[in-house]
C-alpha atoms as a PDB file:
ATOM      1  CA  MET A   1      92.912 176.002 212.463  1.00  0.00           C
ATOM      2  CA  ARG A   2      89.140 175.633 212.915  1.00  0.00           C
ATOM      3  CA  LEU A   3      88.513 177.682 209.733  1.00  0.00           C
ATOM      4  CA  LEU A   4      90.873 175.421 207.781  1.00  0.00           C
ATOM      5  CA  LYS A   5      88.999 172.284 208.916  1.00  0.00           C
ATOM      6  CA  SER A   6      85.608 173.745 207.939  1.00  0.00           C
ATOM      7  CA  ASN A   7      86.982 174.731 204.506  1.00  0.00           C
ATOM      8  CA  ASN A   8      88.347 171.204 204.009  1.00  0.00           C
ATOM      9  CA  ALA A   9      84.988 169.695 204.989  1.00  0.00           C
ATOM     10  CA  PHE A  10      83.195 172.016 202.556  1.00  0.00           C
ATOM     11  CA  CYS A  11      85.630 171.112 199.732  1.00  0.00           C
ATOM     12  CA  CYS A  12      85.156 167.404 200.439  1.00  0.00           C
ATOM     13  CA  LEU A  13      81.375 167.824 200.333  1.00  0.00           C
ATOM     14  CA  VAL A  14      81.516 169.708 197.019  1.00  0.00           C
ATOM     15  CA  CYS A  15      83.846 167.080 195.529  1.00  0.00           C
ATOM     16  CA  ALA A  16      81.555 164.254 196.685  1.00  0.00           C
ATOM     17  CA  VAL A  17      78.505 165.919 195.128  1.00  0.00           C
ATOM     18  CA  LEU A  18      80.357 166.560 191.846  1.00  0.00           C
ATOM     19  CA  PHE A  19      81.619 162.959 191.786  1.00  0.00           C
ATOM     20  CA  PHE A  20      78.072 161.669 192.343  1.00  0.00           C
ATOM     21  CA  LEU A  21      76.646 163.860 189.566  1.00  0.00           C
ATOM     22  CA  CYS A  22      79.378 162.937 187.089  1.00  0.00           C
ATOM     23  CA  SER A  23      79.341 159.227 187.850  1.00  0.00           C
ATOM     24  CA  ALA A  24      75.563 158.780 187.962  1.00  0.00           C
ATOM     25  CA  PRO A  25      74.520 156.634 185.005  1.00  0.00           C
ATOM     26  CA  ASN A  26      72.407 158.327 182.381  1.00  0.00           C
ATOM     27  CA  THR A  27      69.723 155.852 181.420  1.00  0.00           C
ATOM     28  CA  SER A  28      68.288 157.936 178.604  1.00  0.00           C
ATOM     29  CA  TYR A  29      71.153 157.210 176.138  1.00  0.00           C
ATOM     30  CA  GLY A  30      70.414 160.191 173.949  1.00  0.00           C
ATOM     31  CA  VAL A  31      66.628 159.923 174.039  1.00  0.00           C
ATOM     32  CA  THR A  32      65.006 163.291 174.566  1.00  0.00           C
ATOM     33  CA  PHE A  33      61.988 163.577 176.794  1.00  0.00           C
ATOM     34  CA  SER A  34      60.248 166.865 176.246  1.00  0.00           C
ATOM     35  CA  ALA A  35      57.264 168.594 174.801  1.00  0.00           C
ATOM     36  CA  GLU A  36      57.447 169.739 171.210  1.00  0.00           C
ATOM     37  CA  VAL A  37      55.277 172.316 169.455  1.00  0.00           C
ATOM     38  CA  SER A  38      54.479 170.556 166.180  1.00  0.00           C
ATOM     39  CA  HIS A  39      52.492 173.351 164.554  1.00  0.00           C
ATOM     40  CA  LEU A  40      51.293 176.842 165.348  1.00  0.00           C
ATOM     41  CA  GLU A  41      48.801 178.996 163.513  1.00  0.00           C
ATOM     42  CA  SER A  42      47.208 182.334 164.288  1.00  0.00           C
ATOM     43  CA  VAL A  43      44.293 183.409 162.103  1.00  0.00           C
ATOM     44  CA  ARG A  44      41.832 186.272 162.033  1.00  0.00           C
ATOM     45  CA  GLN A  45      38.254 185.447 163.064  1.00  0.00           C
ATOM     46  CA  GLY A  46      35.930 188.414 162.984  1.00  0.00           C
ATOM     47  CA  ASP A  47      37.440 191.226 165.027  1.00  0.00           C
ATOM     48  CA  SER A  48      40.111 189.158 166.792  1.00  0.00           C
ATOM     49  CA  TYR A  49      42.986 186.746 166.215  1.00  0.00           C
ATOM     50  CA  VAL A  50      42.779 183.183 167.481  1.00  0.00           C
ATOM     51  CA  LEU A  51      45.578 180.693 167.950  1.00  0.00           C
ATOM     52  CA  SER A  52      45.671 176.983 167.175  1.00  0.00           C
ATOM     53  CA  ALA A  53      48.596 174.820 168.221  1.00  0.00           C
ATOM     54  CA  GLY A  54      49.615 171.190 168.241  1.00  0.00           C
ATOM     55  CA  ILE A  55      51.921 169.798 170.907  1.00  0.00           C
ATOM     56  CA  ILE A  56      53.609 166.407 171.159  1.00  0.00           C
ATOM     57  CA  TYR A  57      54.409 165.219 174.696  1.00  0.00           C
ATOM     58  CA  HIS A  58      57.268 162.733 175.204  1.00  0.00           C
ATOM     59  CA  LEU A  59      57.167 161.350 178.744  1.00  0.00           C
ATOM     60  CA  SER A  60      60.192 159.583 180.203  1.00  0.00           C
ATOM     61  CA  ASP A  61      59.982 156.274 182.044  1.00  0.00           C
ATOM     62  CA  LYS A  62      60.531 158.059 185.365  1.00  0.00           C
ATOM     63  CA  ALA A  63      57.694 160.503 184.678  1.00  0.00           C
ATOM     64  CA  LYS A  64      55.375 157.640 183.693  1.00  0.00           C
ATOM     65  CA  ARG A  65      56.328 155.695 186.827  1.00  0.00           C
ATOM     66  CA  ALA A  66      55.676 158.735 189.041  1.00  0.00           C
ATOM     67  CA  LEU A  67      52.328 159.246 187.310  1.00  0.00           C
ATOM     68  CA  GLN A  68      51.378 155.584 187.915  1.00  0.00           C
ATOM     69  CA  ASN A  69      52.203 156.110 191.607  1.00  0.00           C
ATOM     70  CA  GLY A  70      49.715 158.981 191.895  1.00  0.00           C
ATOM     71  CA  VAL A  71      52.044 161.971 191.360  1.00  0.00           C
ATOM     72  CA  PRO A  72      50.238 164.669 189.337  1.00  0.00           C
ATOM     73  CA  LEU A  73      52.219 166.304 186.516  1.00  0.00           C
ATOM     74  CA  PHE A  74      51.686 169.937 185.507  1.00  0.00           C
ATOM     75  CA  TRP A  75      52.459 171.797 182.277  1.00  0.00           C
ATOM     76  CA  ASN A  76      52.031 175.499 181.524  1.00  0.00           C
ATOM     77  CA  LEU A  77      51.310 176.347 177.893  1.00  0.00           C
ATOM     78  CA  ARG A  78      52.566 179.939 177.441  1.00  0.00           C
ATOM     79  CA  PHE A  79      51.404 182.191 174.584  1.00  0.00           C
ATOM     80  CA  LYS A  80      52.754 185.616 173.665  1.00  0.00           C
ATOM     81  CA  ILE A  81      52.096 188.056 170.855  1.00  0.00           C
ATOM     82  CA  GLN A  82      54.885 190.547 170.328  1.00  0.00           C
ATOM     83  CA  GLN A  83      55.509 193.461 168.036  1.00  0.00           C
ATOM     84  CA  TYR A  84      58.778 192.755 166.252  1.00  0.00           C
ATOM     85  CA  ARG A  85      61.460 195.478 166.395  1.00  0.00           C
ATOM     86  CA  ASP A  86      64.863 195.438 164.683  1.00  0.00           C
ATOM     87  CA  LEU A  87      66.976 197.402 167.134  1.00  0.00           C
ATOM     88  CA  PHE A  88      65.275 196.966 170.491  1.00  0.00           C
ATOM     89  CA  TRP A  89      63.521 194.190 172.390  1.00  0.00           C
ATOM     90  CA  ASN A  90      60.161 193.150 171.060  1.00  0.00           C
ATOM     91  CA  ILE A  91      57.095 194.668 172.715  1.00  0.00           C
ATOM     92  CA  THR A  92      54.754 192.086 174.290  1.00  0.00           C
ATOM     93  CA  LEU A  93      51.152 193.002 173.476  1.00  0.00           C
ATOM     94  CA  HIS A  94      49.422 189.941 174.870  1.00  0.00           C
ATOM     95  CA  GLU A  95      50.451 187.102 177.169  1.00  0.00           C
ATOM     96  CA  ASP A  96      48.394 184.161 178.393  1.00  0.00           C
ATOM     97  CA  VAL A  97      48.851 180.752 180.063  1.00  0.00           C
ATOM     98  CA  ILE A  98      46.888 177.506 179.985  1.00  0.00           C
ATOM     99  CA  ARG A  99      47.832 175.178 182.854  1.00  0.00           C
ATOM    100  CA  TYR A 100      47.239 171.438 182.511  1.00  0.00           C
ATOM    101  CA  ARG A 101      47.260 168.818 185.255  1.00  0.00           C
ATOM    102  CA  LEU A 102      47.666 165.152 184.351  1.00  0.00           C
ATOM    103  CA  GLN A 103      46.957 162.583 187.056  1.00  0.00           C
ATOM    104  CA  TYR A 104      46.379 158.840 187.247  1.00  0.00           C
ATOM    105  CA  HIS A 105      43.646 157.483 189.544  1.00  0.00           C
ATOM    106  CA  ALA A 106      44.522 153.891 190.451  1.00  0.00           C
ATOM    107  CA  LEU A 107      41.118 152.975 191.916  1.00  0.00           C
ATOM    108  CA  LEU A 108      39.338 153.968 188.716  1.00  0.00           C
ATOM    109  CA  ASN A 109      42.229 152.928 186.450  1.00  0.00           C
ATOM    110  CA  MET A 110      41.743 156.239 184.632  1.00  0.00           C
ATOM    111  CA  TYR A 111      43.863 159.238 183.642  1.00  0.00           C
ATOM    112  CA  ARG A 112      42.413 162.663 184.256  1.00  0.00           C
ATOM    113  CA  VAL A 113      43.404 165.828 182.407  1.00  0.00           C
ATOM    114  CA  ARG A 114      42.308 169.030 184.079  1.00  0.00           C
ATOM    115  CA  ASN A 115      42.578 172.476 182.535  1.00  0.00           C
ATOM    116  CA  GLU A 116      43.486 174.419 185.677  1.00  0.00           C
ATOM    117  CA  THR A 117      42.763 177.712 183.905  1.00  0.00           C
ATOM    118  CA  ASN A 118      39.050 177.110 183.274  1.00  0.00           C
ATOM    119  CA  GLY A 119      38.409 174.143 185.593  1.00  0.00           C
ATOM    120  CA  GLU A 120      37.315 171.677 182.883  1.00  0.00           C
ATOM    121  CA  PHE A 121      38.448 168.061 183.187  1.00  0.00           C
ATOM    122  CA  THR A 122      38.145 164.872 181.177  1.00  0.00           C
ATOM    123  CA  SER A 123      38.924 161.261 182.047  1.00  0.00           C
ATOM    124  CA  PHE A 124      40.654 158.760 179.751  1.00  0.00           C
ATOM    125  CA  SER A 125      41.373 155.040 179.909  1.00  0.00           C
ATOM    126  CA  THR A 126      44.869 155.315 178.391  1.00  0.00           C
ATOM    127  CA  LEU A 127      47.841 157.630 178.845  1.00  0.00           C
ATOM    128  CA  SER A 128      48.139 158.221 175.101  1.00  0.00           C
ATOM    129  CA  ALA A 129      44.518 159.418 174.920  1.00  0.00           C
ATOM    130  CA  ALA A 130      45.092 161.763 177.878  1.00  0.00           C
ATOM    131  CA  LEU A 131      48.228 163.225 176.268  1.00  0.00           C
ATOM    132  CA  GLU A 132      46.377 163.574 172.953  1.00  0.00           C
ATOM    133  CA  SER A 133      43.699 165.692 174.650  1.00  0.00           C
ATOM    134  CA  MET A 134      46.396 168.061 175.940  1.00  0.00           C
ATOM    135  CA  SER A 135      48.107 168.216 172.566  1.00  0.00           C
ATOM    136  CA  THR A 136      45.543 170.258 170.637  1.00  0.00           C
ATOM    137  CA  VAL A 137      44.655 173.869 171.339  1.00  0.00           C
ATOM    138  CA  THR A 138      42.107 175.363 168.961  1.00  0.00           C
ATOM    139  CA  ASP A 139      40.588 178.812 168.619  1.00  0.00           C
ATOM    140  CA  PHE A 140      42.329 180.238 171.664  1.00  0.00           C
ATOM    141  CA  PRO A 141      41.505 183.990 171.709  1.00  0.00           C
ATOM    142  CA  GLU A 142      44.624 186.092 171.486  1.00  0.00           C
ATOM    143  CA  LEU A 143      44.249 189.698 170.399  1.00  0.00           C
ATOM    144  CA  LYS A 144      41.732 192.190 168.989  1.00  0.00           C
ATOM    145  CA  THR A 145      42.393 193.381 165.441  1.00  0.00           C
ATOM    146  CA  GLY A 146      42.208 197.004 166.631  1.00  0.00           C
ATOM    147  CA  ASP A 147      45.439 196.434 168.603  1.00  0.00           C
ATOM    148  CA  ILE A 148      47.363 195.582 165.418  1.00  0.00           C
ATOM    149  CA  ASN A 149      49.067 198.217 163.275  1.00  0.00           C
ATOM    150  CA  PRO A 150      49.077 197.002 159.623  1.00  0.00           C
ATOM    151  CA  GLN A 151      52.469 198.673 159.065  1.00  0.00           C
ATOM    152  CA  LYS A 152      54.207 196.651 161.810  1.00  0.00           C
ATOM    153  CA  GLN A 153      55.294 193.016 162.005  1.00  0.00           C
ATOM    154  CA  TYR A 154      54.001 190.763 164.798  1.00  0.00           C
ATOM    155  CA  ILE A 155      55.056 187.323 166.017  1.00  0.00           C
ATOM    156  CA  CYS A 156      53.335 184.633 168.086  1.00  0.00           C
ATOM    157  CA  ILE A 157      55.479 182.726 170.560  1.00  0.00           C
ATOM    158  CA  VAL A 158      54.516 179.482 172.298  1.00  0.00           C
ATOM    159  CA  LYS A 159      56.322 177.404 174.902  1.00  0.00           C
ATOM    160  CA  VAL A 160      55.312 174.367 176.958  1.00  0.00           C
ATOM    161  CA  ASP A 161      56.833 174.438 180.468  1.00  0.00           C
ATOM    162  CA  PHE A 162      56.847 171.358 182.671  1.00  0.00           C
ATOM    163  CA  ASP A 163      56.391 172.602 186.238  1.00  0.00           C
ATOM    164  CA  ARG A 164      59.018 170.741 188.288  1.00  0.00           C
ATOM    165  CA  ASP A 165      58.207 172.928 191.317  1.00  0.00           C
ATOM    166  CA  ALA A 166      54.752 171.309 191.462  1.00  0.00           C
ATOM    167  CA  LEU A 167      56.283 167.875 192.083  1.00  0.00           C
ATOM    168  CA  PRO A 168      56.275 166.519 195.657  1.00  0.00           C
ATOM    169  CA  LEU A 169      59.177 167.873 197.694  1.00  0.00           C
ATOM    170  CA  PRO A 170      61.269 164.649 197.735  1.00  0.00           C
ATOM    171  CA  LEU A 171      61.216 164.491 193.907  1.00  0.00           C
ATOM    172  CA  ARG A 172      62.180 168.118 193.215  1.00  0.00           C
ATOM    173  CA  PRO A 173      65.969 167.905 193.694  1.00  0.00           C
ATOM    174  CA  ILE A 174      66.097 164.827 191.460  1.00  0.00           C
ATOM    175  CA  ALA A 175      63.940 166.533 188.822  1.00  0.00           C
ATOM    176  CA  TYR A 176      66.439 169.380 188.521  1.00  0.00           C
ATOM    177  CA  ILE A 177      69.463 167.141 187.870  1.00  0.00           C
ATOM    178  CA  ASP A 178      67.944 164.200 185.964  1.00  0.00           C
ATOM    179  CA  SER A 179      67.429 164.732 182.211  1.00  0.00           C
ATOM    180  CA  GLN A 180      64.355 162.472 182.294  1.00  0.00           C
ATOM    181  CA  TRP A 181      62.495 165.289 184.050  1.00  0.00           C
ATOM    182  CA  TYR A 182      63.287 167.948 181.403  1.00  0.00           C
ATOM    183  CA  LEU A 183      59.825 167.752 179.849  1.00  0.00           C
ATOM    184  CA  SER A 184      59.547 171.335 178.548  1.00  0.00           C
ATOM    185  CA  SER A 185      59.718 172.609 174.980  1.00  0.00           C
ATOM    186  CA  HIS A 186      61.714 175.414 173.415  1.00  0.00           C
ATOM    187  CA  TRP A 187      60.096 178.689 172.370  1.00  0.00           C
ATOM    188  CA  THR A 188      58.393 178.351 168.978  1.00  0.00           C
ATOM    189  CA  LEU A 189      57.912 181.516 166.894  1.00  0.00           C
ATOM    190  CA  TRP A 190      55.346 182.176 164.176  1.00  0.00           C
ATOM    191  CA  THR A 191      54.619 185.287 162.151  1.00  0.00           C
ATOM    192  CA  LEU A 192      51.145 186.681 162.734  1.00  0.00           C
ATOM    193  CA  LYS A 193      49.190 186.801 159.467  1.00  0.00           C
ATOM    194  CA  LYS A 194      47.272 190.049 159.180  1.00  0.00           C
END
């Protein structure tokens, strides 16, 4: 009898959660909030390949509001170079990450972008200028030419990941169910020019 009551309570809880998720209004109305890799290029410079990329960041109203309230937002820009294979998984030759932190400082009325990978930071008076500084990656060293076999095909892959786990603890559960917090991009592939 006790087991039956606990199962009923569990079922009621699951139903209530599902009802809440299904009935919660979606305020985005089809608008996508994400990062988008607009262009990607890998070129040979001397004895190595360097990558240049352009990213467009689309912040939702909830992300902007959290930023205005002092919540820092983090993105990881992931790069991979893989050897392409027809029958098996591609072989990853090189993998790297650039981590960005975007934060608003109310006392200074300034936005700060910090490259967490190398420690450099820059301040901006507008959000659009701060996002623009994060949107261009130029001459990022990728791979030595000696690691490339001219007979093989290689691809560059880039993805921008919004780090929801870096949000304050009360915001995390909401960030996983609300589409306005899906601020990542898809993987973008580019053939490496030899």
